[in-house]
Structures are given as C-alpha cells and as structure tokens.
N, C-alpha and C. Protein backbone atom coordinates (compact mmCIF):
# COMPACT_ATOMS: atom_id res chain seq x y z
N UNK A 1 7.85 -116.64 219.20
CA UNK A 1 7.16 -115.72 218.30
C UNK A 1 7.07 -114.32 218.90
N UNK A 2 6.94 -114.22 220.22
CA UNK A 2 6.92 -112.91 220.87
C UNK A 2 8.27 -112.20 220.69
N UNK A 3 9.34 -112.95 220.88
CA UNK A 3 10.67 -112.38 220.63
C UNK A 3 10.84 -111.98 219.17
N UNK A 4 10.27 -112.76 218.28
CA UNK A 4 10.34 -112.43 216.86
C UNK A 4 9.62 -111.12 216.57
N UNK A 5 8.51 -110.87 217.25
CA UNK A 5 7.80 -109.61 217.07
C UNK A 5 8.64 -108.42 217.55
N UNK A 6 9.34 -108.60 218.65
CA UNK A 6 10.24 -107.54 219.14
C UNK A 6 11.34 -107.28 218.12
N UNK A 7 11.92 -108.35 217.59
CA UNK A 7 12.95 -108.20 216.56
C UNK A 7 12.39 -107.52 215.32
N UNK A 8 11.15 -107.84 214.97
CA UNK A 8 10.52 -107.26 213.79
C UNK A 8 10.38 -105.75 213.94
N UNK A 9 9.91 -105.30 215.09
CA UNK A 9 9.77 -103.86 215.32
C UNK A 9 11.12 -103.17 215.24
N UNK A 10 12.14 -103.76 215.88
CA UNK A 10 13.48 -103.17 215.85
C UNK A 10 14.04 -103.13 214.43
N UNK A 11 13.84 -104.20 213.68
CA UNK A 11 14.35 -104.27 212.31
C UNK A 11 13.68 -103.23 211.42
N UNK A 12 12.36 -103.12 211.50
CA UNK A 12 11.65 -102.14 210.67
C UNK A 12 12.02 -100.72 211.04
N UNK A 13 12.20 -100.46 212.33
CA UNK A 13 12.61 -99.12 212.76
C UNK A 13 13.98 -98.77 212.20
N UNK A 14 14.92 -99.71 212.29
CA UNK A 14 16.26 -99.47 211.76
C UNK A 14 16.23 -99.24 210.25
N UNK A 15 15.53 -100.13 209.53
CA UNK A 15 15.49 -100.00 208.07
C UNK A 15 14.80 -98.71 207.64
N UNK A 16 13.72 -98.36 208.35
CA UNK A 16 12.99 -97.14 208.00
C UNK A 16 13.83 -95.90 208.22
N UNK A 17 14.50 -95.82 209.37
CA UNK A 17 15.32 -94.66 209.69
C UNK A 17 16.58 -94.60 208.82
N UNK A 18 17.14 -95.76 208.53
CA UNK A 18 18.42 -95.80 207.82
C UNK A 18 18.26 -95.62 206.32
N UNK A 19 17.23 -96.23 205.74
CA UNK A 19 17.15 -96.28 204.28
C UNK A 19 15.95 -95.53 203.68
N UNK A 20 14.96 -95.17 204.51
CA UNK A 20 13.77 -94.53 203.95
C UNK A 20 13.77 -93.04 204.25
N UNK A 21 13.56 -92.68 205.52
CA UNK A 21 13.46 -91.26 205.86
C UNK A 21 13.67 -91.07 207.34
N UNK A 22 14.54 -90.14 207.70
CA UNK A 22 14.75 -89.82 209.11
C UNK A 22 13.53 -89.13 209.71
N UNK A 23 12.76 -88.41 208.88
CA UNK A 23 11.61 -87.64 209.37
C UNK A 23 10.29 -88.38 209.21
N UNK A 24 10.36 -89.67 208.94
CA UNK A 24 9.14 -90.49 208.79
C UNK A 24 8.23 -89.99 207.68
N UNK A 25 8.84 -89.46 206.62
CA UNK A 25 8.06 -88.95 205.50
C UNK A 25 8.30 -89.84 204.29
N UNK A 26 7.21 -90.25 203.63
CA UNK A 26 7.35 -91.09 202.43
C UNK A 26 6.54 -90.50 201.28
N UNK A 27 6.52 -89.16 201.21
CA UNK A 27 5.67 -88.49 200.22
C UNK A 27 6.37 -88.25 198.89
N UNK A 28 7.42 -88.98 198.59
CA UNK A 28 8.05 -88.90 197.27
C UNK A 28 8.15 -90.32 196.71
N UNK A 29 8.23 -90.41 195.39
CA UNK A 29 8.28 -91.73 194.77
C UNK A 29 9.56 -92.48 195.14
N UNK A 30 10.67 -91.74 195.28
CA UNK A 30 11.94 -92.40 195.64
C UNK A 30 11.85 -92.99 197.04
N UNK A 31 11.34 -92.23 198.00
CA UNK A 31 11.22 -92.74 199.37
C UNK A 31 10.20 -93.88 199.44
N UNK A 32 9.12 -93.74 198.68
CA UNK A 32 8.10 -94.78 198.68
C UNK A 32 8.65 -96.07 198.09
N UNK A 33 9.45 -95.97 197.03
CA UNK A 33 10.05 -97.17 196.44
C UNK A 33 11.01 -97.83 197.43
N UNK A 34 11.81 -97.02 198.13
CA UNK A 34 12.72 -97.58 199.14
C UNK A 34 11.93 -98.22 200.28
N UNK A 35 10.84 -97.57 200.66
CA UNK A 35 9.99 -98.11 201.72
C UNK A 35 9.44 -99.48 201.31
N UNK A 36 8.92 -99.58 200.08
CA UNK A 36 8.35 -100.84 199.60
C UNK A 36 9.40 -101.95 199.61
N UNK A 37 10.62 -101.62 199.19
CA UNK A 37 11.66 -102.64 199.08
C UNK A 37 12.17 -103.09 200.45
N UNK A 38 12.50 -102.12 201.32
CA UNK A 38 13.16 -102.47 202.57
C UNK A 38 12.21 -102.98 203.65
N UNK A 39 10.95 -102.53 203.65
CA UNK A 39 10.05 -102.94 204.74
C UNK A 39 9.10 -104.06 204.35
N UNK A 40 8.06 -103.82 203.52
CA UNK A 40 7.14 -104.93 203.22
C UNK A 40 7.80 -106.11 202.51
N UNK A 41 8.85 -105.87 201.73
CA UNK A 41 9.48 -106.96 200.99
C UNK A 41 10.67 -107.56 201.74
N UNK A 42 11.78 -106.83 201.82
CA UNK A 42 13.00 -107.39 202.38
C UNK A 42 12.88 -107.67 203.88
N UNK A 43 12.40 -106.67 204.64
CA UNK A 43 12.27 -106.85 206.08
C UNK A 43 11.32 -107.98 206.44
N UNK A 44 10.18 -108.03 205.76
CA UNK A 44 9.21 -109.08 206.05
C UNK A 44 9.72 -110.45 205.61
N UNK A 45 10.51 -110.50 204.54
CA UNK A 45 11.08 -111.78 204.10
C UNK A 45 12.00 -112.36 205.16
N UNK A 46 12.80 -111.50 205.79
CA UNK A 46 13.70 -111.95 206.86
C UNK A 46 12.90 -112.45 208.06
N UNK A 47 11.91 -111.66 208.48
CA UNK A 47 11.09 -112.04 209.63
C UNK A 47 10.31 -113.33 209.33
N UNK A 48 9.77 -113.44 208.13
CA UNK A 48 9.01 -114.64 207.77
C UNK A 48 9.92 -115.87 207.73
N UNK A 49 11.16 -115.69 207.29
CA UNK A 49 12.10 -116.82 207.28
C UNK A 49 12.38 -117.32 208.69
N UNK A 50 12.57 -116.39 209.62
CA UNK A 50 12.78 -116.78 211.02
C UNK A 50 11.51 -117.40 211.61
N UNK A 51 10.34 -116.83 211.26
CA UNK A 51 9.08 -117.39 211.73
C UNK A 51 8.84 -118.78 211.20
N UNK A 52 9.19 -119.01 209.93
CA UNK A 52 9.08 -120.34 209.36
C UNK A 52 9.95 -121.35 210.07
N UNK A 53 11.16 -120.91 210.46
CA UNK A 53 12.07 -121.79 211.19
C UNK A 53 11.51 -122.13 212.57
N UNK A 54 10.97 -121.10 213.25
CA UNK A 54 10.37 -121.34 214.57
C UNK A 54 9.19 -122.28 214.47
N UNK A 55 8.33 -122.06 213.45
CA UNK A 55 7.17 -122.94 213.26
C UNK A 55 7.58 -124.36 212.94
N UNK A 56 8.63 -124.52 212.14
CA UNK A 56 9.09 -125.85 211.76
C UNK A 56 9.62 -126.61 212.98
N UNK A 57 10.29 -125.89 213.89
CA UNK A 57 10.87 -126.55 215.06
C UNK A 57 9.83 -126.82 216.13
N UNK A 58 8.95 -125.84 216.38
CA UNK A 58 8.01 -125.95 217.51
C UNK A 58 6.70 -126.63 217.14
N UNK A 59 6.26 -126.46 215.90
CA UNK A 59 4.95 -127.00 215.50
C UNK A 59 5.05 -128.08 214.44
N UNK A 60 6.27 -128.39 213.99
CA UNK A 60 6.50 -129.39 212.96
C UNK A 60 5.71 -129.09 211.68
N UNK A 61 5.58 -127.81 211.34
CA UNK A 61 4.90 -127.44 210.10
C UNK A 61 5.93 -127.26 208.99
N UNK A 62 5.42 -127.13 207.77
CA UNK A 62 6.30 -126.90 206.63
C UNK A 62 6.89 -125.50 206.70
N UNK A 63 8.21 -125.40 206.51
CA UNK A 63 8.86 -124.09 206.57
C UNK A 63 8.30 -123.16 205.51
N UNK A 64 8.11 -123.66 204.29
CA UNK A 64 7.64 -122.79 203.21
C UNK A 64 6.21 -122.31 203.46
N UNK A 65 5.35 -123.19 203.95
CA UNK A 65 3.97 -122.79 204.23
C UNK A 65 3.93 -121.71 205.31
N UNK A 66 4.71 -121.90 206.37
CA UNK A 66 4.77 -120.91 207.45
C UNK A 66 5.32 -119.59 206.92
N UNK A 67 6.37 -119.68 206.10
CA UNK A 67 6.98 -118.46 205.52
C UNK A 67 5.99 -117.74 204.63
N UNK A 68 5.27 -118.50 203.82
CA UNK A 68 4.31 -117.92 202.89
C UNK A 68 3.21 -117.16 203.63
N UNK A 69 2.67 -117.76 204.68
CA UNK A 69 1.60 -117.12 205.45
C UNK A 69 2.10 -115.84 206.11
N UNK A 70 3.27 -115.90 206.73
CA UNK A 70 3.81 -114.73 207.42
C UNK A 70 4.23 -113.65 206.43
N UNK A 71 4.76 -114.06 205.30
CA UNK A 71 5.19 -113.08 204.30
C UNK A 71 4.02 -112.25 203.80
N UNK A 72 2.93 -112.90 203.47
CA UNK A 72 1.77 -112.19 202.94
C UNK A 72 1.06 -111.42 204.04
N UNK A 73 0.82 -112.06 205.18
CA UNK A 73 0.09 -111.40 206.27
C UNK A 73 0.84 -110.23 206.86
N UNK A 74 2.11 -110.46 207.25
CA UNK A 74 2.91 -109.37 207.83
C UNK A 74 3.22 -108.30 206.81
N UNK A 75 3.50 -108.72 205.57
CA UNK A 75 3.80 -107.74 204.53
C UNK A 75 2.63 -106.82 204.26
N UNK A 76 1.41 -107.40 204.24
CA UNK A 76 0.22 -106.58 204.01
C UNK A 76 -0.01 -105.63 205.18
N UNK A 77 0.18 -106.10 206.41
CA UNK A 77 -0.03 -105.25 207.58
C UNK A 77 0.92 -104.05 207.56
N UNK A 78 2.20 -104.30 207.25
CA UNK A 78 3.17 -103.22 207.19
C UNK A 78 2.85 -102.28 206.03
N UNK A 79 2.47 -102.83 204.90
CA UNK A 79 2.17 -102.03 203.71
C UNK A 79 0.96 -101.13 203.94
N UNK A 80 -0.04 -101.62 204.66
CA UNK A 80 -1.29 -100.88 204.82
C UNK A 80 -1.25 -99.94 206.02
N UNK A 81 -0.79 -100.44 207.17
CA UNK A 81 -0.90 -99.67 208.41
C UNK A 81 0.22 -98.66 208.61
N UNK A 82 1.44 -99.03 208.29
CA UNK A 82 2.57 -98.15 208.60
C UNK A 82 2.52 -96.82 207.84
N UNK A 83 2.19 -96.79 206.54
CA UNK A 83 2.10 -95.48 205.88
C UNK A 83 1.09 -94.55 206.53
N UNK A 84 -0.03 -95.11 207.01
CA UNK A 84 -1.02 -94.28 207.69
C UNK A 84 -0.45 -93.67 208.97
N UNK A 85 0.24 -94.49 209.76
CA UNK A 85 0.84 -93.98 210.99
C UNK A 85 1.92 -92.95 210.70
N UNK A 86 2.76 -93.21 209.70
CA UNK A 86 3.84 -92.29 209.38
C UNK A 86 3.31 -90.96 208.87
N UNK A 87 2.35 -91.00 207.98
CA UNK A 87 1.88 -89.76 207.35
C UNK A 87 0.99 -88.93 208.27
N UNK A 88 0.19 -89.58 209.11
CA UNK A 88 -0.73 -88.82 209.97
C UNK A 88 -0.04 -88.28 211.21
N UNK A 89 1.09 -88.87 211.61
CA UNK A 89 1.77 -88.41 212.82
C UNK A 89 3.13 -87.79 212.53
N UNK A 90 3.52 -87.71 211.26
CA UNK A 90 4.79 -87.09 210.93
C UNK A 90 4.67 -85.56 211.07
N UNK A 91 5.83 -84.92 211.29
CA UNK A 91 5.86 -83.46 211.36
C UNK A 91 5.89 -82.93 209.94
N UNK A 92 4.83 -82.24 209.53
CA UNK A 92 4.70 -81.74 208.18
C UNK A 92 5.28 -80.34 208.06
N UNK A 93 5.48 -79.93 206.83
CA UNK A 93 5.79 -78.55 206.56
C UNK A 93 4.56 -77.71 206.86
N UNK A 94 4.73 -76.44 207.24
CA UNK A 94 3.56 -75.61 207.58
C UNK A 94 2.56 -75.57 206.43
N UNK A 95 1.29 -75.75 206.78
CA UNK A 95 0.24 -75.72 205.77
C UNK A 95 -0.87 -74.79 206.24
N UNK A 96 -1.65 -74.33 205.31
CA UNK A 96 -2.77 -73.46 205.64
C UNK A 96 -3.90 -74.28 206.26
N UNK A 97 -4.78 -73.58 206.97
CA UNK A 97 -5.93 -74.26 207.56
C UNK A 97 -6.84 -74.85 206.49
N UNK A 98 -6.94 -74.16 205.34
CA UNK A 98 -7.76 -74.66 204.24
C UNK A 98 -7.21 -75.98 203.71
N UNK A 99 -5.88 -76.09 203.62
CA UNK A 99 -5.25 -77.32 203.13
C UNK A 99 -5.50 -78.47 204.09
N UNK A 100 -5.36 -78.21 205.39
CA UNK A 100 -5.59 -79.25 206.39
C UNK A 100 -7.05 -79.70 206.37
N UNK A 101 -7.96 -78.72 206.26
CA UNK A 101 -9.39 -79.05 206.23
C UNK A 101 -9.75 -79.85 204.99
N UNK A 102 -9.13 -79.50 203.84
CA UNK A 102 -9.40 -80.22 202.60
C UNK A 102 -8.94 -81.67 202.69
N UNK A 103 -7.74 -81.88 203.24
CA UNK A 103 -7.23 -83.24 203.40
C UNK A 103 -8.11 -84.06 204.33
N UNK A 104 -8.51 -83.47 205.45
CA UNK A 104 -9.37 -84.18 206.41
C UNK A 104 -10.73 -84.49 205.80
N UNK A 105 -11.26 -83.55 205.03
CA UNK A 105 -12.57 -83.78 204.40
C UNK A 105 -12.48 -84.90 203.38
N UNK A 106 -11.41 -84.90 202.57
CA UNK A 106 -11.23 -85.96 201.59
C UNK A 106 -11.06 -87.31 202.27
N UNK A 107 -10.30 -87.34 203.37
CA UNK A 107 -10.11 -88.59 204.11
C UNK A 107 -11.43 -89.10 204.66
N UNK A 108 -12.26 -88.19 205.15
CA UNK A 108 -13.56 -88.60 205.68
C UNK A 108 -14.46 -89.14 204.57
N UNK A 109 -14.44 -88.48 203.41
CA UNK A 109 -15.28 -88.93 202.28
C UNK A 109 -14.83 -90.30 201.79
N UNK A 110 -13.51 -90.48 201.60
CA UNK A 110 -13.02 -91.75 201.06
C UNK A 110 -13.24 -92.89 202.06
N UNK A 111 -13.16 -92.57 203.35
CA UNK A 111 -13.44 -93.59 204.37
C UNK A 111 -14.89 -94.05 204.28
N UNK A 112 -15.80 -93.09 204.14
CA UNK A 112 -17.21 -93.43 204.03
C UNK A 112 -17.53 -94.20 202.76
N UNK A 113 -16.97 -93.75 201.62
CA UNK A 113 -17.22 -94.44 200.35
C UNK A 113 -16.66 -95.86 200.37
N UNK A 114 -15.45 -96.01 200.89
CA UNK A 114 -14.83 -97.34 200.93
C UNK A 114 -15.62 -98.29 201.82
N UNK A 115 -16.03 -97.81 202.99
CA UNK A 115 -16.84 -98.64 203.89
C UNK A 115 -18.17 -99.01 203.24
N UNK A 116 -18.79 -98.05 202.54
CA UNK A 116 -20.07 -98.31 201.89
C UNK A 116 -19.94 -99.37 200.80
N UNK A 117 -18.87 -99.29 200.02
CA UNK A 117 -18.64 -100.29 198.97
C UNK A 117 -18.50 -101.69 199.55
N UNK A 118 -17.74 -101.81 200.63
CA UNK A 118 -17.51 -103.12 201.22
C UNK A 118 -18.75 -103.65 201.92
N UNK A 119 -19.54 -102.77 202.51
CA UNK A 119 -20.82 -103.20 203.10
C UNK A 119 -21.76 -103.69 202.00
N UNK A 120 -21.79 -102.96 200.87
CA UNK A 120 -22.63 -103.39 199.75
C UNK A 120 -22.15 -104.74 199.22
N UNK A 121 -20.83 -104.93 199.15
CA UNK A 121 -20.29 -106.21 198.68
C UNK A 121 -20.66 -107.34 199.62
N UNK A 122 -20.77 -107.03 200.91
CA UNK A 122 -21.13 -108.07 201.89
C UNK A 122 -22.61 -108.42 201.82
N UNK A 123 -23.45 -107.44 201.45
CA UNK A 123 -24.90 -107.66 201.49
C UNK A 123 -25.48 -108.14 200.16
N UNK A 124 -24.81 -107.80 199.05
CA UNK A 124 -25.33 -108.17 197.73
C UNK A 124 -24.66 -109.47 197.28
N UNK A 125 -25.39 -110.54 197.12
CA UNK A 125 -24.77 -111.83 196.77
C UNK A 125 -24.04 -111.83 195.42
N UNK A 126 -24.53 -111.05 194.46
CA UNK A 126 -23.96 -111.07 193.11
C UNK A 126 -22.83 -110.06 192.92
N UNK A 127 -22.31 -109.52 194.01
CA UNK A 127 -21.23 -108.52 193.92
C UNK A 127 -19.91 -109.25 193.69
N UNK A 128 -19.35 -109.14 192.48
CA UNK A 128 -18.14 -109.88 192.14
C UNK A 128 -16.89 -109.17 192.65
N UNK A 129 -15.86 -109.94 192.92
CA UNK A 129 -14.60 -109.38 193.42
C UNK A 129 -13.97 -108.43 192.40
N UNK A 130 -14.10 -108.75 191.11
CA UNK A 130 -13.51 -107.90 190.08
C UNK A 130 -14.16 -106.52 190.07
N UNK A 131 -15.49 -106.48 190.23
CA UNK A 131 -16.21 -105.21 190.28
C UNK A 131 -15.80 -104.41 191.51
N UNK A 132 -15.72 -105.09 192.65
CA UNK A 132 -15.30 -104.43 193.88
C UNK A 132 -13.90 -103.86 193.75
N UNK A 133 -13.01 -104.62 193.14
CA UNK A 133 -11.62 -104.16 192.95
C UNK A 133 -11.56 -102.89 192.11
N UNK A 134 -12.35 -102.85 191.03
CA UNK A 134 -12.35 -101.68 190.14
C UNK A 134 -12.92 -100.46 190.86
N UNK A 135 -14.04 -100.63 191.57
CA UNK A 135 -14.66 -99.51 192.27
C UNK A 135 -13.76 -98.98 193.38
N UNK A 136 -13.12 -99.88 194.12
CA UNK A 136 -12.21 -99.45 195.17
C UNK A 136 -11.02 -98.70 194.60
N UNK A 137 -10.48 -99.17 193.47
CA UNK A 137 -9.34 -98.49 192.86
C UNK A 137 -9.71 -97.08 192.44
N UNK A 138 -10.93 -96.89 191.90
CA UNK A 138 -11.37 -95.56 191.50
C UNK A 138 -11.46 -94.62 192.70
N UNK A 139 -12.09 -95.11 193.78
CA UNK A 139 -12.24 -94.29 194.98
C UNK A 139 -10.89 -93.95 195.60
N UNK A 140 -10.01 -94.94 195.70
CA UNK A 140 -8.73 -94.73 196.35
C UNK A 140 -7.81 -93.82 195.53
N UNK A 141 -7.80 -94.00 194.22
CA UNK A 141 -6.99 -93.13 193.38
C UNK A 141 -7.52 -91.70 193.43
N UNK A 142 -8.83 -91.55 193.45
CA UNK A 142 -9.41 -90.20 193.60
C UNK A 142 -8.94 -89.56 194.89
N UNK A 143 -8.95 -90.33 195.98
CA UNK A 143 -8.50 -89.78 197.27
C UNK A 143 -7.03 -89.39 197.22
N UNK A 144 -6.21 -90.18 196.49
CA UNK A 144 -4.79 -89.86 196.38
C UNK A 144 -4.57 -88.56 195.62
N UNK A 145 -5.38 -88.34 194.58
CA UNK A 145 -5.25 -87.12 193.78
C UNK A 145 -5.75 -85.90 194.56
N UNK A 146 -6.86 -86.05 195.24
CA UNK A 146 -7.49 -84.92 195.92
C UNK A 146 -6.86 -84.60 197.27
N UNK A 147 -6.53 -85.63 198.04
CA UNK A 147 -6.09 -85.39 199.41
C UNK A 147 -4.68 -85.84 199.73
N UNK A 148 -3.95 -86.35 198.73
CA UNK A 148 -2.58 -86.76 198.99
C UNK A 148 -2.50 -88.09 199.72
N UNK A 149 -1.29 -88.38 200.21
CA UNK A 149 -1.05 -89.69 200.79
C UNK A 149 -1.78 -89.87 202.14
N UNK A 150 -2.08 -88.77 202.81
CA UNK A 150 -2.82 -88.89 204.08
C UNK A 150 -4.24 -89.41 203.83
N UNK A 151 -4.93 -88.78 202.91
CA UNK A 151 -6.29 -89.22 202.60
C UNK A 151 -6.27 -90.62 202.00
N UNK A 152 -5.28 -90.88 201.14
CA UNK A 152 -5.18 -92.20 200.52
C UNK A 152 -4.95 -93.29 201.56
N UNK A 153 -4.09 -93.01 202.54
CA UNK A 153 -3.81 -94.01 203.57
C UNK A 153 -5.05 -94.30 204.41
N UNK A 154 -5.89 -93.29 204.63
CA UNK A 154 -7.13 -93.52 205.38
C UNK A 154 -8.05 -94.46 204.61
N UNK A 155 -8.14 -94.27 203.28
CA UNK A 155 -8.96 -95.16 202.47
C UNK A 155 -8.43 -96.57 202.43
N UNK A 156 -7.11 -96.71 202.32
CA UNK A 156 -6.50 -98.04 202.25
C UNK A 156 -6.71 -98.80 203.56
N UNK A 157 -6.51 -98.12 204.69
CA UNK A 157 -6.72 -98.76 205.99
C UNK A 157 -8.18 -99.20 206.14
N UNK A 158 -9.11 -98.35 205.72
CA UNK A 158 -10.54 -98.70 205.79
C UNK A 158 -10.84 -99.92 204.93
N UNK A 159 -10.30 -99.93 203.70
CA UNK A 159 -10.53 -101.06 202.79
C UNK A 159 -9.99 -102.35 203.38
N UNK A 160 -8.78 -102.29 203.94
CA UNK A 160 -8.18 -103.50 204.51
C UNK A 160 -8.95 -103.99 205.72
N UNK A 161 -9.29 -103.07 206.63
CA UNK A 161 -9.98 -103.46 207.85
C UNK A 161 -11.37 -104.03 207.56
N UNK A 162 -12.15 -103.28 206.77
CA UNK A 162 -13.51 -103.74 206.46
C UNK A 162 -13.49 -105.01 205.60
N UNK A 163 -12.57 -105.06 204.63
CA UNK A 163 -12.50 -106.23 203.76
C UNK A 163 -12.17 -107.50 204.52
N UNK A 164 -11.22 -107.42 205.44
CA UNK A 164 -10.84 -108.59 206.23
C UNK A 164 -11.97 -108.99 207.17
N UNK A 165 -12.65 -107.99 207.76
CA UNK A 165 -13.75 -108.29 208.70
C UNK A 165 -14.90 -109.03 208.01
N UNK A 166 -15.32 -108.52 206.84
CA UNK A 166 -16.47 -109.17 206.19
C UNK A 166 -16.07 -110.54 205.64
N UNK A 167 -14.82 -110.68 205.20
CA UNK A 167 -14.38 -111.97 204.66
C UNK A 167 -14.33 -113.03 205.74
N UNK A 168 -13.80 -112.69 206.91
CA UNK A 168 -13.75 -113.66 208.01
C UNK A 168 -15.13 -113.92 208.60
N UNK A 169 -16.09 -113.03 208.31
CA UNK A 169 -17.46 -113.26 208.75
C UNK A 169 -18.24 -114.13 207.76
N UNK A 170 -17.57 -114.55 206.67
CA UNK A 170 -18.22 -115.39 205.67
C UNK A 170 -19.07 -114.61 204.69
N UNK A 171 -18.83 -113.31 204.56
CA UNK A 171 -19.60 -112.46 203.65
C UNK A 171 -18.70 -111.89 202.57
N UNK A 172 -19.32 -111.39 201.50
CA UNK A 172 -18.55 -110.72 200.46
C UNK A 172 -17.99 -111.68 199.42
N UNK A 173 -17.44 -111.13 198.33
CA UNK A 173 -16.97 -111.96 197.22
C UNK A 173 -15.70 -112.75 197.52
N UNK A 174 -15.02 -112.46 198.63
CA UNK A 174 -13.79 -113.19 198.97
C UNK A 174 -14.02 -114.27 200.02
N UNK A 175 -15.25 -114.46 200.44
CA UNK A 175 -15.52 -115.43 201.50
C UNK A 175 -15.22 -116.85 201.02
N UNK A 176 -14.90 -117.70 201.97
CA UNK A 176 -14.47 -119.07 201.66
C UNK A 176 -15.51 -119.88 200.87
N UNK A 177 -16.82 -119.78 201.18
CA UNK A 177 -17.77 -120.57 200.37
C UNK A 177 -17.75 -120.21 198.89
N UNK A 178 -17.39 -118.97 198.56
CA UNK A 178 -17.38 -118.55 197.16
C UNK A 178 -16.03 -118.78 196.50
N UNK A 179 -14.95 -118.55 197.24
CA UNK A 179 -13.60 -118.70 196.68
C UNK A 179 -12.78 -119.53 197.64
N UNK A 180 -12.19 -120.59 197.12
CA UNK A 180 -11.42 -121.49 197.98
C UNK A 180 -10.21 -120.78 198.58
N UNK A 181 -9.59 -119.88 197.79
CA UNK A 181 -8.44 -119.12 198.27
C UNK A 181 -8.82 -117.66 198.51
N UNK A 182 -10.00 -117.46 199.11
CA UNK A 182 -10.52 -116.11 199.26
C UNK A 182 -9.64 -115.19 200.08
N UNK A 183 -9.14 -115.67 201.23
CA UNK A 183 -8.29 -114.84 202.08
C UNK A 183 -7.01 -114.45 201.34
N UNK A 184 -6.43 -115.41 200.65
CA UNK A 184 -5.21 -115.15 199.89
C UNK A 184 -5.47 -114.12 198.79
N UNK A 185 -6.56 -114.30 198.05
CA UNK A 185 -6.90 -113.36 196.97
C UNK A 185 -7.16 -111.97 197.52
N UNK A 186 -7.85 -111.89 198.65
CA UNK A 186 -8.12 -110.59 199.26
C UNK A 186 -6.83 -109.88 199.64
N UNK A 187 -5.90 -110.59 200.24
CA UNK A 187 -4.64 -109.98 200.65
C UNK A 187 -3.86 -109.46 199.44
N UNK A 188 -3.84 -110.24 198.37
CA UNK A 188 -3.12 -109.81 197.18
C UNK A 188 -3.77 -108.58 196.56
N UNK A 189 -5.11 -108.56 196.50
CA UNK A 189 -5.81 -107.40 195.94
C UNK A 189 -5.60 -106.16 196.79
N UNK A 190 -5.65 -106.31 198.10
CA UNK A 190 -5.42 -105.17 198.99
C UNK A 190 -4.00 -104.62 198.84
N UNK A 191 -3.03 -105.52 198.70
CA UNK A 191 -1.65 -105.07 198.51
C UNK A 191 -1.52 -104.30 197.20
N UNK A 192 -2.13 -104.82 196.13
CA UNK A 192 -2.07 -104.14 194.84
C UNK A 192 -2.72 -102.77 194.88
N UNK A 193 -3.89 -102.67 195.54
CA UNK A 193 -4.58 -101.39 195.66
C UNK A 193 -3.75 -100.40 196.48
N UNK A 194 -3.11 -100.88 197.54
CA UNK A 194 -2.29 -99.99 198.37
C UNK A 194 -1.11 -99.43 197.59
N UNK A 195 -0.40 -100.30 196.86
CA UNK A 195 0.75 -99.84 196.08
C UNK A 195 0.33 -98.82 195.03
N UNK A 196 -0.75 -99.12 194.30
CA UNK A 196 -1.26 -98.20 193.29
C UNK A 196 -1.61 -96.85 193.90
N UNK A 197 -2.35 -96.87 195.00
CA UNK A 197 -2.83 -95.63 195.62
C UNK A 197 -1.68 -94.79 196.14
N UNK A 198 -0.74 -95.41 196.83
CA UNK A 198 0.36 -94.65 197.42
C UNK A 198 1.27 -94.04 196.35
N UNK A 199 1.50 -94.77 195.27
CA UNK A 199 2.35 -94.22 194.23
C UNK A 199 1.66 -93.07 193.49
N UNK A 200 0.36 -93.17 193.28
CA UNK A 200 -0.38 -92.04 192.68
C UNK A 200 -0.28 -90.82 193.59
N UNK A 201 -0.45 -91.02 194.90
CA UNK A 201 -0.37 -89.90 195.84
C UNK A 201 1.03 -89.28 195.84
N UNK A 202 2.07 -90.12 195.78
CA UNK A 202 3.44 -89.60 195.78
C UNK A 202 3.74 -88.81 194.51
N UNK A 203 3.29 -89.31 193.37
CA UNK A 203 3.52 -88.61 192.09
C UNK A 203 2.79 -87.26 192.08
N UNK A 204 1.55 -87.24 192.55
CA UNK A 204 0.80 -85.98 192.60
C UNK A 204 1.49 -84.99 193.53
N UNK A 205 1.99 -85.47 194.67
CA UNK A 205 2.69 -84.59 195.62
C UNK A 205 3.94 -83.99 194.98
N UNK A 206 4.70 -84.81 194.27
CA UNK A 206 5.91 -84.31 193.62
C UNK A 206 5.59 -83.29 192.54
N UNK A 207 4.54 -83.51 191.78
CA UNK A 207 4.15 -82.55 190.73
C UNK A 207 3.68 -81.24 191.36
N UNK A 208 3.00 -81.30 192.49
CA UNK A 208 2.57 -80.08 193.17
C UNK A 208 3.77 -79.29 193.69
N UNK A 209 4.76 -79.99 194.23
CA UNK A 209 5.97 -79.32 194.71
C UNK A 209 6.72 -78.67 193.54
N UNK A 210 6.83 -79.37 192.43
CA UNK A 210 7.50 -78.84 191.26
C UNK A 210 6.76 -77.61 190.72
N UNK A 211 5.43 -77.69 190.71
CA UNK A 211 4.62 -76.57 190.23
C UNK A 211 4.80 -75.34 191.12
N UNK A 212 4.85 -75.55 192.44
CA UNK A 212 5.04 -74.40 193.34
C UNK A 212 6.42 -73.78 193.17
N UNK A 213 7.44 -74.59 192.91
CA UNK A 213 8.77 -74.04 192.65
C UNK A 213 8.79 -73.21 191.39
N UNK A 214 8.16 -73.74 190.33
CA UNK A 214 8.14 -73.01 189.05
C UNK A 214 7.34 -71.70 189.20
C-alpha cells in the first residue's frame, strides 16, 4: 500500500501536468472538467483497482468492496484537498492589494460560517442532513461568487474536515447511530458540494475575464 501511494502521487502529477494545466491553474471550466475526469475519476479508479487487488491478495477481502472504499475515500480527498493546494500556491497573474484582501476576507468568512454550521449540526439533535446540505451549498456558492475558487476551496476544505471529524466522533446528522450509511452519505454529499462550488467559481472567473476584455 505504501508503494501504491507513491505510484498514486506520480500518476496524479503526470495526469495533472499533461492533461490539466502546466501552471497548476484550474480556474476555467474546461480545465476544471479535465481535472475532474483525469484525477478524482480516472486516476483514482486505477489506483483503487490496484488497491483492491492488493487487499484481495493480502487481506482476503472482496476486490469490489476494497475498490469501492478506496474510490470514494481517495476520490474525495483529491477532489477536496488538491484544488485548495493548487489555487493557493499557484503563481497568479498580478492582482491589486484590494483584490487579494477581498479574497482572503471572503475565505476567512466562509471558513467561519462553514465551521459554525457544522458545529451547530453536531450540537443540535434535530439538525437534518438535508438542511445542512442546503445551508452549506448556499454558503459555499456565495464564497465562489464573491471570492473565486480560492475562497471556495477554503470553504470546501473546512466543510470536509469538520464534517468528517464530527461524524467520526458520533455527532451530527451523518453519525452512525442516526444513519447506517452515514460515512458513505457524507462523502457523497461533500463531493457534490465540492463539484458545485468549484464549477460556480470557474464560471464566475471566466465571466469576469470576458467582461474585462470587453
């Protein structure tokens, strides 16, 4: 499995550089679509297939069950964490200090709101997953519109980290006592929120670039 992780990093690096962006930028819908296909989907499917084979040989587990767990878990990690790393550490085009401050402020606000929502979901017994999903989507889409993909990625990472922490602590609407497939449902909802948020941010970025050209 350790060797598989090394292969995974090498594979994602190759796919990202070859098919997504040489400059580690995914701020357009075309690049984001290529990123979704080659990394969280295709790349993770290959890694999960190899992981399933290793698990079947070494642990005598079902290949499909092992593949399913790795596909969802690794796919979600790549989908949530990698855009944040790429966008926050990529070399951007020159921007004004006001633009940088606005993005940072929006990222800080969305991080606080997202954490507050998940803490409330953990503390309030009657907080339903559907309500949490709607509120998170509103906050994350707002961050995508106001602060672009950088602010959106900060909100998505916060939602994923806090959501997984409270769920494994037995709290919140996705906890095992409330939902038999709570972890699975949480991962699917987080993936859906991430895709929605990133595509909104990419579309807004493209419209802003088009407006500045006009």
